[in-house]
Amino acid sequence: MLAHPSASLVPSASSLVNARAVKGVPGKKTDVCDAQWLQQLHAAGLLKKSHRPDKEIVPLRYVMRHRADLVTQAGQQVQLMQKVLTEMNLKIHHVFSDVDGVSAQAIITAILAGERDPQKLAALRDKRCRSRLEDILEALRGDYRPAYLFVLRQLQERWQQLQASILACEQQLATLLKAVEIQAPGPLPQAPWQQRRTHKNMPLTIPIYEEAWRFYGVDLSVVPGIGGGLLSILMSEVGTGPQMKAAFRSAEAFASWLAVCPENRITGGRVLKAKTRKVAHRLADAFRLAALSLSRTNDAMGQYCRRMKGRLGKAEGIVAVAHKLARIVYAMVTTGQACDEKEAFKVTPSALHKRLQNLQNQAAALGLQLIPA
């Protein structure tokens, strides 16, 4: 049985429970006392089993988390390369969008090979580069000290090694995804490229959208903000649609597991605290990033995002939108129905009454009066 750093094991039930729920043990704490306390709680039925994916999903989750760590390390090497280039007075990041892009890497490789002529270095840029030639030539006049070149060479080699490791991880992920036995309901529906765009931090060699369609039976990419990065994490952390439905009894339980909903602490009918739990959750972070991308969209989800940020604040509003996205994803997966914005953002009578009351208060403050049309 695998153990998590923040969880305790109950051997008699072979369950994984959260140590946060059983940390209040009076008296001197020892391993023996903790074991006896867990046994008593389990005998009384007071322990809740924590979520753990099925056996076929656990290796997928492990490799996906390892790939995320490699992506983080590769990003650090890119930042260090940019730092060395700045010390060399090479402003490559000013004329190229990415230091790890095709043009920048070709120029860095040529510099390490001994090329110093700005004209020849600028000729290595990709044909899609939009920067002016004059700006590129000015950015390539640098100070080529041996110490700088030595560090830059090591950083590029380390970055290339990480890229090869990431590619190997993606090949292993493709094998693990194929091992999950679940049939797709049919071919993936057609969609515009803007809906299923890719970025370099998601597994590019894996058909993420096709695999998500096979896992869940619905096209989750139709939801604004849901992209391939979130879908890859969702598949590796939760599993298939039937597994997700069996693990979480409701959308509320799914949002509570993600820690994107308030944790109300009430005593005597009075709310002492209503903030979200502070947990390190990869899927919750992905939902927050998806919510952050909706700040400037013109659809109903974007309007909801701006409304929540204006009402609750920027950070709290992003969490509220992440909560909304999580509930929509759970509803689509468990019901098998497509996303309906009218149902997701329907106006209840109480909300309509509250909106009308706010308008009347604003009109009264301006010395005006509302008249029904």
Foldseek 3Di string as FASTA:
>chain_A
DDADPQWDAQVVVRATFGVVVVVPDDDDDDPVVSNVSVVVCVVVVNTDGDDDADPLLQVLLVLVVVLLVLVVVLVVLQVVLCVLLVVFQQVPVVQDVGCPDQLNVQLLVVVLVPDQQQVVSLVRGDPPRDGDSVVSSNNSHGHDDPVSSVSNVVSVVVSVVSVVVSLVSLVVSQVSLVPDDFAAPDDDDDDDCVLAPDDDSASPVDPQQRSLNRQQVARLSVPQLDYSVLSSNCCSGQNGLVSNCVRAVALVRQLLSLQLFFDFDDDPNDTPGTHTDDDDDPNNVSLLNSLVVLCPDDDPLNVQLVVQCVVPNNVNSSSVSSSLSSNQVNCCRNVVDYDDVCVSDPQDPVNVVVVVVVVQVVQVVVVHGDDDD
